[in-house]
C-alpha atoms as a PDB file:
ATOM      1  CA  UNK A   1     108.987  88.526 108.129  1.00  0.00           C
ATOM      2  CA  UNK A   2     109.457  92.287 108.153  1.00  0.00           C
ATOM      3  CA  UNK A   3     111.716  94.189 105.763  1.00  0.00           C
ATOM      4  CA  UNK A   4     112.673  97.822 106.360  1.00  0.00           C
ATOM      5  CA  UNK A   5     114.816  99.894 104.017  1.00  0.00           C
ATOM      6  CA  UNK A   6     117.474 101.853 105.924  1.00  0.00           C
ATOM      7  CA  UNK A   7     119.091 103.577 102.938  1.00  0.00           C
ATOM      8  CA  UNK A   8     121.191 102.818  99.843  1.00  0.00           C
ATOM      9  CA  UNK A   9     121.361  98.982  99.657  1.00  0.00           C
ATOM     10  CA  UNK A  10     120.886  98.532 103.402  1.00  0.00           C
ATOM     11  CA  UNK A  11     117.836  96.688 104.676  1.00  0.00           C
ATOM     12  CA  UNK A  12     116.842  95.367 108.088  1.00  0.00           C
ATOM     13  CA  UNK A  13     115.158  91.995 107.719  1.00  0.00           C
ATOM     14  CA  UNK A  14     113.472  90.583 110.813  1.00  0.00           C
ATOM     15  CA  UNK A  15     112.305  86.973 110.714  1.00  0.00           C
ATOM     16  CA  UNK A  16     109.153  85.764 112.408  1.00  0.00           C
ATOM     17  CA  UNK A  17     111.502  84.235 115.032  1.00  0.00           C
ATOM     18  CA  UNK A  18     113.013  87.670 115.740  1.00  0.00           C
ATOM     19  CA  UNK A  19     116.344  87.066 113.968  1.00  0.00           C
ATOM     20  CA  UNK A  20     117.588  90.410 112.639  1.00  0.00           C
ATOM     21  CA  UNK A  21     119.674  90.598 109.453  1.00  0.00           C
ATOM     22  CA  UNK A  22     121.158  93.801 108.047  1.00  0.00           C
ATOM     23  CA  UNK A  23     122.348  93.878 104.448  1.00  0.00           C
ATOM     24  CA  UNK A  24     125.132  96.127 103.142  1.00  0.00           C
ATOM     25  CA  UNK A  25     125.514  98.729 105.921  1.00  0.00           C
ATOM     26  CA  UNK A  26     126.961 101.961 104.506  1.00  0.00           C
ATOM     27  CA  UNK A  27     129.257 104.793 105.615  1.00  0.00           C
ATOM     28  CA  UNK A  28     127.584 108.205 105.638  1.00  0.00           C
ATOM     29  CA  UNK A  29     129.373 110.734 103.427  1.00  0.00           C
ATOM     30  CA  UNK A  30     130.967 110.611  99.993  1.00  0.00           C
ATOM     31  CA  UNK A  31     127.568 110.962  98.348  1.00  0.00           C
ATOM     32  CA  UNK A  32     125.688 108.810 100.889  1.00  0.00           C
ATOM     33  CA  UNK A  33     123.345 111.199 102.679  1.00  0.00           C
ATOM     34  CA  UNK A  34     121.087 108.788 104.556  1.00  0.00           C
ATOM     35  CA  UNK A  35     120.926 108.658 108.337  1.00  0.00           C
ATOM     36  CA  UNK A  36     123.625 106.499 109.958  1.00  0.00           C
ATOM     37  CA  UNK A  37     122.802 102.839 110.519  1.00  0.00           C
ATOM     38  CA  UNK A  38     121.966 102.505 114.226  1.00  0.00           C
ATOM     39  CA  UNK A  39     120.302  99.120 114.387  1.00  0.00           C
ATOM     40  CA  UNK A  40     121.147  95.918 116.251  1.00  0.00           C
ATOM     41  CA  UNK A  41     121.459  92.723 114.244  1.00  0.00           C
ATOM     42  CA  UNK A  42     122.243  89.051 114.672  1.00  0.00           C
ATOM     43  CA  UNK A  43     123.698  88.768 111.158  1.00  0.00           C
ATOM     44  CA  UNK A  44     125.231  91.296 108.766  1.00  0.00           C
ATOM     45  CA  UNK A  45     125.361  90.320 105.078  1.00  0.00           C
ATOM     46  CA  UNK A  46     127.994  92.225 103.072  1.00  0.00           C
ATOM     47  CA  UNK A  47     127.738  91.811  99.305  1.00  0.00           C
ATOM     48  CA  UNK A  48     131.146  93.338  98.512  1.00  0.00           C
ATOM     49  CA  UNK A  49     133.956  95.259 100.168  1.00  0.00           C
ATOM     50  CA  UNK A  50     133.131  98.877  99.321  1.00  0.00           C
ATOM     51  CA  UNK A  51     132.434 101.356 102.114  1.00  0.00           C
ATOM     52  CA  UNK A  52     128.891 101.909 100.865  1.00  0.00           C
ATOM     53  CA  UNK A  53     128.157  98.194 101.446  1.00  0.00           C
ATOM     54  CA  UNK A  54     130.528  97.010 104.202  1.00  0.00           C
ATOM     55  CA  UNK A  55     130.363  99.307 107.254  1.00  0.00           C
ATOM     56  CA  UNK A  56     129.899  96.437 109.703  1.00  0.00           C
ATOM     57  CA  UNK A  57     131.088  98.581 112.627  1.00  0.00           C
ATOM     58  CA  UNK A  58     127.932 100.715 112.327  1.00  0.00           C
ATOM     59  CA  UNK A  59     125.757  97.739 113.329  1.00  0.00           C
ATOM     60  CA  UNK A  60     125.057  97.407 117.052  1.00  0.00           C
ATOM     61  CA  UNK A  61     125.469  94.165 118.985  1.00  0.00           C
ATOM     62  CA  UNK A  62     127.804  91.298 118.090  1.00  0.00           C
ATOM     63  CA  UNK A  63     126.486  90.157 114.721  1.00  0.00           C
ATOM     64  CA  UNK A  64     127.839  87.268 112.713  1.00  0.00           C
ATOM     65  CA  UNK A  65     129.257  88.746 109.493  1.00  0.00           C
ATOM     66  CA  UNK A  66     128.746  86.921 106.213  1.00  0.00           C
ATOM     67  CA  UNK A  67     130.511  88.290 103.146  1.00  0.00           C
ATOM     68  CA  UNK A  68     129.586  87.812  99.483  1.00  0.00           C
ATOM     69  CA  UNK A  69     130.940  84.583  98.023  1.00  0.00           C
ATOM     70  CA  UNK A  70     131.203  82.831 101.383  1.00  0.00           C
ATOM     71  CA  UNK A  71     129.436  79.552 101.903  1.00  0.00           C
ATOM     72  CA  UNK A  72     126.066  79.956 103.554  1.00  0.00           C
ATOM     73  CA  UNK A  73     125.191  83.303 102.013  1.00  0.00           C
ATOM     74  CA  UNK A  74     122.106  83.093  99.815  1.00  0.00           C
ATOM     75  CA  UNK A  75     123.007  83.047  96.124  1.00  0.00           C
ATOM     76  CA  UNK A  76     121.078  86.275  95.578  1.00  0.00           C
ATOM     77  CA  UNK A  77     123.579  88.119  97.807  1.00  0.00           C
ATOM     78  CA  UNK A  78     126.756  86.224  96.869  1.00  0.00           C
ATOM     79  CA  UNK A  79     127.027  87.222  93.205  1.00  0.00           C
ATOM     80  CA  UNK A  80     129.575  89.933  94.014  1.00  0.00           C
ATOM     81  CA  UNK A  81     127.030  92.746  93.857  1.00  0.00           C
ATOM     82  CA  UNK A  82     123.889  92.957  95.882  1.00  0.00           C
ATOM     83  CA  UNK A  83     120.732  92.752  93.782  1.00  0.00           C
ATOM     84  CA  UNK A  84     119.451  95.497  96.064  1.00  0.00           C
ATOM     85  CA  UNK A  85     122.178  97.866  94.851  1.00  0.00           C
ATOM     86  CA  UNK A  86     120.937  97.561  91.275  1.00  0.00           C
ATOM     87  CA  UNK A  87     117.481  98.889  92.064  1.00  0.00           C
ATOM     88  CA  UNK A  88     116.737 102.366  90.681  1.00  0.00           C
ATOM     89  CA  UNK A  89     116.646 104.345  93.934  1.00  0.00           C
ATOM     90  CA  UNK A  90     117.419 107.690  92.309  1.00  0.00           C
ATOM     91  CA  UNK A  91     116.029 109.009  89.056  1.00  0.00           C
ATOM     92  CA  UNK A  92     119.437 110.287  87.918  1.00  0.00           C
ATOM     93  CA  UNK A  93     120.821 106.742  87.753  1.00  0.00           C
ATOM     94  CA  UNK A  94     118.690 105.951  84.724  1.00  0.00           C
ATOM     95  CA  UNK A  95     116.698 102.804  84.127  1.00  0.00           C
ATOM     96  CA  UNK A  96     118.190  99.731  85.797  1.00  0.00           C
ATOM     97  CA  UNK A  97     116.924  96.181  85.894  1.00  0.00           C
ATOM     98  CA  UNK A  98     116.979  94.532  89.334  1.00  0.00           C
ATOM     99  CA  UNK A  99     118.480  91.054  89.528  1.00  0.00           C
ATOM    100  CA  UNK A 100     115.983  88.285  89.934  1.00  0.00           C
ATOM    101  CA  UNK A 101     115.781  86.696  93.357  1.00  0.00           C
ATOM    102  CA  UNK A 102     114.423  83.201  93.713  1.00  0.00           C
ATOM    103  CA  UNK A 103     113.457  81.436  96.959  1.00  0.00           C
END
């Protein structure tokens, strides 16, 4: 498995079988200054319906979209807020404690 951070709470996860999952694709602007998401994926996991986590149209291909709270989404991503979005990515956000993720 390969995991690549794309920006904000957006990651590209590629399984050993080649299945590509993108989490929480964002809209550039409004404080988000990362490069646009320009990846192809088989699945897009959206933790919640805010533009900085739900820009599914940025993802190339015809991915299956799974939204937080829907059956089949791993519990770690279905709690209403992505555990990835709680990580301290910027020093000015203060000290934050990431959610625990269990297999």
